[in-house]
Amino acid sequence: MEKTNASVERLGTEPIGKLLFKLAIPTVTAQIINMLYNIVDRIYIGHIPHIGTAALTGVGVCLPLIMIVSAFASLVSSGGAPRSSIRLGEGKPDEAERILGNSFTLQLIISAVLTVVILFFARPILLAFGASNDTIGYAVRYMNIYAIGTVFVQLTLGMNAFISAQGFTKVSMFTVLVGAVTNIALDPLFIYGFKLDVSGAAIATLISQAISSALALAFLLSNKSKIRLKPQYMPLKPRVILPCVALGLSMFIMTASESLISVCFNSSLQKYGGDMAVGAMTILTSVMQFAMLPLQGIGQGAQPIASYNFGAGNADRVKKTFRLLLIVNLIYSGVFWALVMAFPRLFASIFTPDVALADYASKVMRIYFGAMFVFGIQIACQMLFISIGNALCSITVAVVRKFVLILPLIYILPCIFENKVNAVFTAEPVSDFLAVCFTSVLFILMFTRSMKKLEAKKQNR
């Protein structure tokens, strides 16, 4: 137990740079590995003989629904985990355990509801999301199996956040790594060996997520965890869970709105460019995941440092954490942008052997990723708002980018430009740039105010 306490307390004493490196490497690795669940499925599916292109497009249409499942995990965990870190910083481990127990129960309830909804309404939902007559069969088969494993997805994503929030990022990485390796091993067996095509990919994912969730729960039930999952803290208490849901709402909006945006993109692209444009969007979304998840992983590595020190009243360490997070995010987003601009065909060919689809996707990729180089600012600011418990600002920046900017632009820009397909893809970089400008101004105003209050509070203690 002394070793566990020391691991948590280092969040307030160890040099920021060294600490962020230790925590961020495993969380970034975990995010990349977690992404492999969907990416590897698409790579294998895209290479199925004769049906690969249609099957890939069908599974791509499932992505918005999968994002909704992930969004509900974020609704609970991305608010609960930072609040548990803040409570640890305040020296209140019992309160942190109450947050964990309530979050676990709420995730079980949400999982049950999502499973029922997907099983009964998958077909009409997927048709609304842009599936065509040629791709709907593949989409429904994949989602019906995926739905059975919804509880495993929820618990893997949700409970791992509480492990990382204590500073045990290597443990959370390990739970995801074991599942991902299992998925990569089982995919070819079920897809090609048993000739189950998209159904095989879904079965492999289900088994892999079940293993990951079991490992995460085993750690949180053990003495190695600073905060443990205890039955007495599992009954839902509004005063405990509602603040967590309020804080997690920004990540929920950010993730769930990706689903809505994918639907809008797919429906507009189907209208102007047909299945080829929708297939290209599947590839672009996959590449965007590859870009975004490491940024979120770096943010998750910084979150326990910022949250713990915010709870402990150490404003200087919170500021240093943000500065370092911002620098690292900008370097990463700039490098990734340069690689996409230089080698779009390379990224596109990873997901499909279809020459025509790869060529098409590589042409529009430079448009879609046009403002990627500044997006590290957006993620850094939003993650800091969440880390210090500022629910209102974190929700505001998420809503502005998704609903005020990108959704209207998907429909406005095709009315302005002659090339309507390219106009749809242009909605992404335009909204990204404007969102970064808005978020930067809001962050300067609100973060400065929060740090002044924190410093004044510490002086009055």
Foldseek 3Di string as FASTA:
>chain_A
DVVLLVLQCVLPPPDLVVLLVLLLVLLLLLLLLLLLLLQVLLLVQQPDPPCSLLLSLLQLLCVLVVLLLVLVLLLLQLLLLLVLLLCVLLVNLVLNLLSVQQSLLVLVVVLVVSLVCCLVPVQVVSVLLQRDPSRSVSNNLLSNLLSVLSSLSSLLSRLLLNCSLSVNSNQNSVLSNQLSVQLNVQQCCQCPVVVPRSNSSSVSNSVSSNSSSVSSLVCLCDPSHSHHHDPVSNPHDCVSRVLSSLLSVLSSLLRSLVSVLSSLLSVLCCVQPNSLLSSLVSLLVSLVSVLVSSLVSSLSSLLSSLSSCLSNLNLVSNVVSLVVSLVVLLVSQQVSLVCLLVCVLVSLCSSHVPPVSSVVSSVLNCLLSVQSNLLSLVSSLLSSCSSNSVSVLNNVLSCCLRPVQLSVQLVPQLVPDVNNSSSNSNSNNVSSVVSSVVSVVVSVVVVVVSSVVSNVVVVVD
